Each structure stands twice: as C-alpha cells, then as structure tokens.
N, C-alpha and C. Protein backbone atom coordinates (compact mmCIF):
# COMPACT_ATOMS: atom_id res chain seq x y z
N MET A 1 261.50 146.53 130.18
CA MET A 1 260.26 146.96 129.57
C MET A 1 259.98 146.04 128.38
N THR A 2 258.73 145.64 128.25
CA THR A 2 258.34 144.79 127.14
C THR A 2 257.12 145.38 126.44
N SER A 3 256.93 144.97 125.20
CA SER A 3 255.71 145.36 124.49
C SER A 3 255.29 144.22 123.59
N GLN A 4 253.98 144.15 123.38
CA GLN A 4 253.40 143.17 122.48
C GLN A 4 252.52 143.91 121.49
N THR A 5 252.58 143.47 120.23
CA THR A 5 251.79 144.10 119.19
C THR A 5 250.90 143.07 118.53
N LEU A 6 249.63 143.40 118.42
CA LEU A 6 248.67 142.56 117.71
C LEU A 6 248.26 143.31 116.45
N ARG A 7 248.74 142.83 115.31
CA ARG A 7 248.40 143.47 114.03
C ARG A 7 247.00 143.05 113.62
N LEU A 8 246.19 144.05 113.28
CA LEU A 8 244.82 143.79 112.84
C LEU A 8 244.67 143.97 111.33
N ASP A 9 245.70 144.53 110.71
CA ASP A 9 245.70 144.78 109.27
C ASP A 9 247.03 144.30 108.73
N PRO A 10 247.03 143.34 107.80
CA PRO A 10 248.28 142.78 107.31
C PRO A 10 249.05 143.66 106.32
N ALA A 11 248.46 144.78 105.90
CA ALA A 11 249.13 145.65 104.92
C ALA A 11 250.44 146.19 105.49
N VAL A 12 251.47 146.22 104.66
CA VAL A 12 252.76 146.75 105.07
C VAL A 12 252.82 148.22 104.65
N ARG A 13 253.12 149.07 105.61
CA ARG A 13 253.22 150.51 105.35
C ARG A 13 254.64 150.96 105.65
N PRO A 14 255.09 152.01 104.98
CA PRO A 14 256.45 152.51 105.29
C PRO A 14 256.50 153.08 106.71
N ALA A 15 257.61 152.82 107.38
CA ALA A 15 257.81 153.38 108.72
C ALA A 15 257.88 154.89 108.63
N ARG A 16 257.59 155.53 109.72
CA ARG A 16 257.65 156.99 109.76
C ARG A 16 258.39 157.42 111.03
N ALA A 17 258.70 158.68 111.11
CA ALA A 17 259.40 159.20 112.29
C ALA A 17 258.44 159.22 113.48
N PRO A 18 258.89 158.77 114.66
CA PRO A 18 258.03 158.77 115.84
C PRO A 18 257.45 160.16 116.16
N GLU A 19 258.21 161.21 115.84
CA GLU A 19 257.72 162.57 116.13
C GLU A 19 256.49 162.94 115.29
N SER A 20 256.28 162.21 114.18
CA SER A 20 255.16 162.54 113.31
C SER A 20 253.87 161.79 113.71
N VAL A 21 253.96 160.89 114.67
CA VAL A 21 252.78 160.14 115.12
C VAL A 21 252.00 160.99 116.12
N LEU A 22 250.73 161.22 115.81
CA LEU A 22 249.86 161.99 116.71
C LEU A 22 249.42 161.10 117.87
N VAL A 23 249.16 161.71 119.02
CA VAL A 23 248.73 160.96 120.21
C VAL A 23 247.40 161.53 120.69
N PHE A 24 246.42 160.63 120.82
CA PHE A 24 245.09 161.01 121.30
C PHE A 24 244.77 160.24 122.57
N GLU A 25 244.06 160.89 123.47
CA GLU A 25 243.61 160.21 124.68
C GLU A 25 242.20 159.67 124.51
N LYS A 26 241.50 160.14 123.47
CA LYS A 26 240.19 159.59 123.11
C LYS A 26 240.11 159.57 121.59
N ALA A 27 239.15 158.86 121.07
CA ALA A 27 239.04 158.67 119.62
C ALA A 27 238.88 160.02 118.90
N PRO A 28 239.64 160.23 117.84
CA PRO A 28 239.50 161.47 117.08
C PRO A 28 238.17 161.48 116.30
N GLU A 29 237.74 162.66 115.93
CA GLU A 29 236.47 162.79 115.22
C GLU A 29 236.57 162.37 113.76
N GLN A 30 237.75 162.53 113.15
CA GLN A 30 237.88 162.16 111.74
C GLN A 30 237.90 160.64 111.58
N PRO A 31 237.43 160.14 110.45
CA PRO A 31 237.36 158.69 110.22
C PRO A 31 238.76 158.04 110.25
N TYR A 32 238.83 156.86 110.85
CA TYR A 32 240.10 156.14 110.94
C TYR A 32 239.85 154.64 110.98
N SER A 33 240.92 153.90 110.79
CA SER A 33 240.90 152.44 110.93
C SER A 33 241.99 152.05 111.92
N VAL A 34 241.69 151.08 112.77
CA VAL A 34 242.67 150.56 113.72
C VAL A 34 243.47 149.47 113.00
N ILE A 35 244.80 149.63 112.96
CA ILE A 35 245.64 148.65 112.27
C ILE A 35 246.39 147.74 113.24
N ALA A 36 246.46 148.14 114.53
CA ALA A 36 247.17 147.31 115.51
C ALA A 36 246.82 147.76 116.92
N ARG A 37 247.03 146.84 117.86
CA ARG A 37 246.93 147.16 119.28
C ARG A 37 248.28 146.85 119.92
N VAL A 38 248.75 147.77 120.75
CA VAL A 38 250.05 147.61 121.39
C VAL A 38 249.86 147.67 122.90
N GLU A 39 250.52 146.76 123.61
CA GLU A 39 250.53 146.77 125.06
C GLU A 39 251.97 146.87 125.51
N SER A 40 252.24 147.80 126.39
CA SER A 40 253.60 148.01 126.89
C SER A 40 253.58 147.87 128.41
N LYS A 41 254.57 147.13 128.96
CA LYS A 41 254.66 146.89 130.41
C LYS A 41 256.06 147.18 130.91
N ALA A 42 256.13 147.63 132.14
CA ALA A 42 257.42 147.84 132.80
C ALA A 42 257.31 147.38 134.24
N GLY A 43 258.29 146.61 134.67
CA GLY A 43 258.31 146.12 136.03
C GLY A 43 259.38 146.78 136.87
N SER A 44 259.89 147.90 136.41
CA SER A 44 260.98 148.58 137.11
C SER A 44 260.49 149.90 137.69
N VAL A 45 260.98 150.21 138.87
CA VAL A 45 260.62 151.50 139.48
C VAL A 45 261.26 152.66 138.72
N PHE A 46 262.23 152.33 137.85
CA PHE A 46 262.92 153.37 137.10
C PHE A 46 262.21 153.71 135.80
N ARG A 47 261.17 152.98 135.46
CA ARG A 47 260.39 153.23 134.24
C ARG A 47 259.04 153.81 134.63
N GLY A 48 258.65 154.85 133.91
CA GLY A 48 257.36 155.46 134.19
C GLY A 48 256.42 155.32 133.00
N PHE A 49 255.23 155.89 133.15
CA PHE A 49 254.25 155.82 132.08
C PHE A 49 254.68 156.58 130.84
N ASP A 50 255.52 157.59 131.00
CA ASP A 50 256.05 158.30 129.83
C ASP A 50 256.89 157.34 128.97
N ASP A 51 257.66 156.48 129.62
CA ASP A 51 258.46 155.49 128.88
C ASP A 51 257.56 154.51 128.13
N LEU A 52 256.48 154.07 128.78
CA LEU A 52 255.55 153.15 128.14
C LEU A 52 254.89 153.81 126.93
N ARG A 53 254.49 155.04 127.09
CA ARG A 53 253.85 155.77 125.99
C ARG A 53 254.81 155.94 124.81
N LEU A 54 256.07 156.26 125.10
CA LEU A 54 257.07 156.39 124.03
C LEU A 54 257.27 155.08 123.29
N ARG A 55 257.25 153.95 124.01
CA ARG A 55 257.39 152.65 123.37
C ARG A 55 256.21 152.39 122.43
N ILE A 56 255.00 152.75 122.85
CA ILE A 56 253.81 152.57 122.01
C ILE A 56 253.91 153.45 120.76
N ILE A 57 254.36 154.68 120.93
CA ILE A 57 254.53 155.60 119.79
C ILE A 57 255.57 155.06 118.82
N ASP A 58 256.67 154.53 119.34
CA ASP A 58 257.71 153.94 118.48
C ASP A 58 257.15 152.76 117.67
N GLN A 59 256.35 151.92 118.31
CA GLN A 59 255.75 150.79 117.60
C GLN A 59 254.81 151.29 116.50
N ALA A 60 254.02 152.32 116.81
CA ALA A 60 253.10 152.88 115.83
C ALA A 60 253.88 153.43 114.63
N ALA A 61 255.00 154.10 114.90
CA ALA A 61 255.82 154.66 113.82
C ALA A 61 256.39 153.54 112.94
N GLN A 62 256.85 152.46 113.54
CA GLN A 62 257.39 151.34 112.77
C GLN A 62 256.32 150.69 111.89
N LEU A 63 255.07 150.72 112.35
CA LEU A 63 253.97 150.14 111.58
C LEU A 63 253.40 151.10 110.54
N GLY A 64 253.88 152.35 110.53
CA GLY A 64 253.38 153.33 109.58
C GLY A 64 252.07 153.95 110.00
N GLY A 65 251.76 153.91 111.28
CA GLY A 65 250.51 154.50 111.77
C GLY A 65 250.54 156.01 111.76
N ASP A 66 249.37 156.61 111.56
CA ASP A 66 249.25 158.07 111.61
C ASP A 66 249.17 158.58 113.04
N ALA A 67 248.57 157.75 113.91
CA ALA A 67 248.34 158.20 115.29
C ALA A 67 248.15 157.01 116.21
N VAL A 68 248.11 157.31 117.51
CA VAL A 68 247.85 156.33 118.55
C VAL A 68 246.76 156.87 119.46
N ILE A 69 245.81 156.02 119.79
CA ILE A 69 244.84 156.35 120.83
C ILE A 69 245.29 155.58 122.07
N VAL A 70 245.81 156.30 123.07
CA VAL A 70 246.34 155.63 124.25
C VAL A 70 245.22 155.29 125.23
N GLY A 71 245.35 154.13 125.83
CA GLY A 71 244.39 153.69 126.82
C GLY A 71 244.80 154.16 128.21
N PRO A 72 244.02 153.80 129.21
CA PRO A 72 244.34 154.23 130.58
C PRO A 72 245.61 153.56 131.11
N GLU A 73 246.24 154.24 132.02
CA GLU A 73 247.43 153.70 132.70
C GLU A 73 246.96 152.79 133.83
N SER A 74 247.69 151.69 134.07
CA SER A 74 247.33 150.83 135.19
C SER A 74 248.61 150.34 135.88
N THR A 75 248.47 150.10 137.16
CA THR A 75 249.57 149.59 137.97
C THR A 75 249.06 148.43 138.81
N THR A 76 249.80 147.33 138.81
CA THR A 76 249.48 146.22 139.70
C THR A 76 250.66 146.02 140.64
N THR A 77 250.34 145.65 141.86
CA THR A 77 251.39 145.43 142.86
C THR A 77 251.32 144.01 143.37
N GLU A 78 252.46 143.36 143.36
CA GLU A 78 252.60 142.02 143.94
C GLU A 78 253.65 142.13 145.04
N PHE A 79 253.58 141.21 145.99
CA PHE A 79 254.56 141.21 147.06
C PHE A 79 255.44 139.98 146.94
N ILE A 80 256.74 140.22 147.01
CA ILE A 80 257.73 139.15 146.98
C ILE A 80 258.08 138.83 148.43
N ILE A 81 257.92 137.58 148.79
CA ILE A 81 258.18 137.19 150.18
C ILE A 81 259.62 136.70 150.30
N LEU A 82 260.34 137.34 151.19
CA LEU A 82 261.73 136.97 151.49
C LEU A 82 261.81 136.52 152.94
N THR A 83 262.92 135.97 153.33
CA THR A 83 263.08 135.56 154.73
C THR A 83 263.11 136.77 155.66
N THR A 84 263.44 137.95 155.11
CA THR A 84 263.51 139.17 155.93
C THR A 84 262.23 139.99 155.88
N GLY A 85 261.26 139.56 155.10
CA GLY A 85 260.00 140.30 155.00
C GLY A 85 259.46 140.31 153.57
N MET A 86 258.54 141.21 153.31
CA MET A 86 257.94 141.31 151.98
C MET A 86 258.40 142.59 151.28
N ILE A 87 258.57 142.49 149.97
CA ILE A 87 258.96 143.63 149.16
C ILE A 87 257.90 143.81 148.07
N PRO A 88 257.34 145.02 147.94
CA PRO A 88 256.36 145.24 146.88
C PRO A 88 257.05 145.32 145.51
N SER A 89 256.39 144.76 144.51
CA SER A 89 256.90 144.81 143.14
C SER A 89 255.76 145.33 142.25
N GLU A 90 256.00 146.47 141.60
CA GLU A 90 254.96 147.08 140.76
C GLU A 90 255.19 146.79 139.29
N THR A 91 254.10 146.57 138.57
CA THR A 91 254.15 146.46 137.12
C THR A 91 253.21 147.52 136.56
N LYS A 92 253.77 148.36 135.70
CA LYS A 92 252.97 149.40 135.04
C LYS A 92 252.60 148.91 133.65
N LYS A 93 251.39 149.27 133.20
CA LYS A 93 250.93 148.83 131.89
C LYS A 93 250.16 149.96 131.22
N GLN A 94 250.35 150.06 129.90
CA GLN A 94 249.56 150.99 129.09
C GLN A 94 249.34 150.35 127.72
N THR A 95 248.17 150.58 127.18
CA THR A 95 247.83 150.05 125.86
C THR A 95 247.56 151.20 124.91
N GLY A 96 247.61 150.89 123.63
CA GLY A 96 247.30 151.89 122.62
C GLY A 96 246.81 151.24 121.35
N GLU A 97 245.94 151.94 120.64
CA GLU A 97 245.49 151.49 119.33
C GLU A 97 246.21 152.32 118.27
N VAL A 98 246.85 151.64 117.34
CA VAL A 98 247.54 152.31 116.23
C VAL A 98 246.51 152.51 115.13
N ILE A 99 246.39 153.75 114.65
CA ILE A 99 245.36 154.05 113.65
C ILE A 99 245.95 154.71 112.41
N ILE A 100 245.20 154.60 111.32
CA ILE A 100 245.49 155.36 110.10
C ILE A 100 244.22 156.12 109.77
N PHE A 101 244.38 157.31 109.24
CA PHE A 101 243.22 158.10 108.86
C PHE A 101 242.76 157.70 107.47
N ARG A 102 241.45 157.71 107.25
CA ARG A 102 240.90 157.35 105.95
C ARG A 102 240.75 158.57 105.08
C-alpha cells in the first residue's frame, strides 16, 4: 500500500490522535480550509478500501488536520499475461482532502 500527500498549506501543526480526526463523505457545512490532499493506493487483494481510508486518516492526523473529506473509491484492473494465461491485477485507490476548521 502506498500513499502520496500534496501539502497545500506550509504551516506546521501538532500531530493528533487518528481517532480524533473526523471523516466526511461530503463537504461539511462549517467553514474550513484544505491543507493537504492525500491519495492512497493498494495493489493487493488482501487490502480493502477500509485500509486505504485508515491510511488517509493517519496522514491527516500526522498533519494536524481536524477532518478528512474522503473521495470516491475506484478500482482499476490490468491483466498480466503469462505463458499459462492471463491473471487480473486490481489496484484500489481512494483520495481525501485534509481540512482544518476556521
């Protein structure tokens, strides 16, 4: 599993516990600022979207974010060609915006 973080705000904030980071599926009504975007990917059948979401929450906690707005889940399938046939290989991806409340 991998993740990439694009910081949009250079301010350094104290890390917080992952359990304290709120998770939204759509933008909250209260005013906020986006401080980073995180993309998490997994190419293993043993990793699910819950694992990707936890990775995004962990990144948000390390950045001192108050919450994460998670984006849609996506899966891409590629086929690996072997001498004995083709094997499907799935990559799961989820993105999130790390936010702080104003």
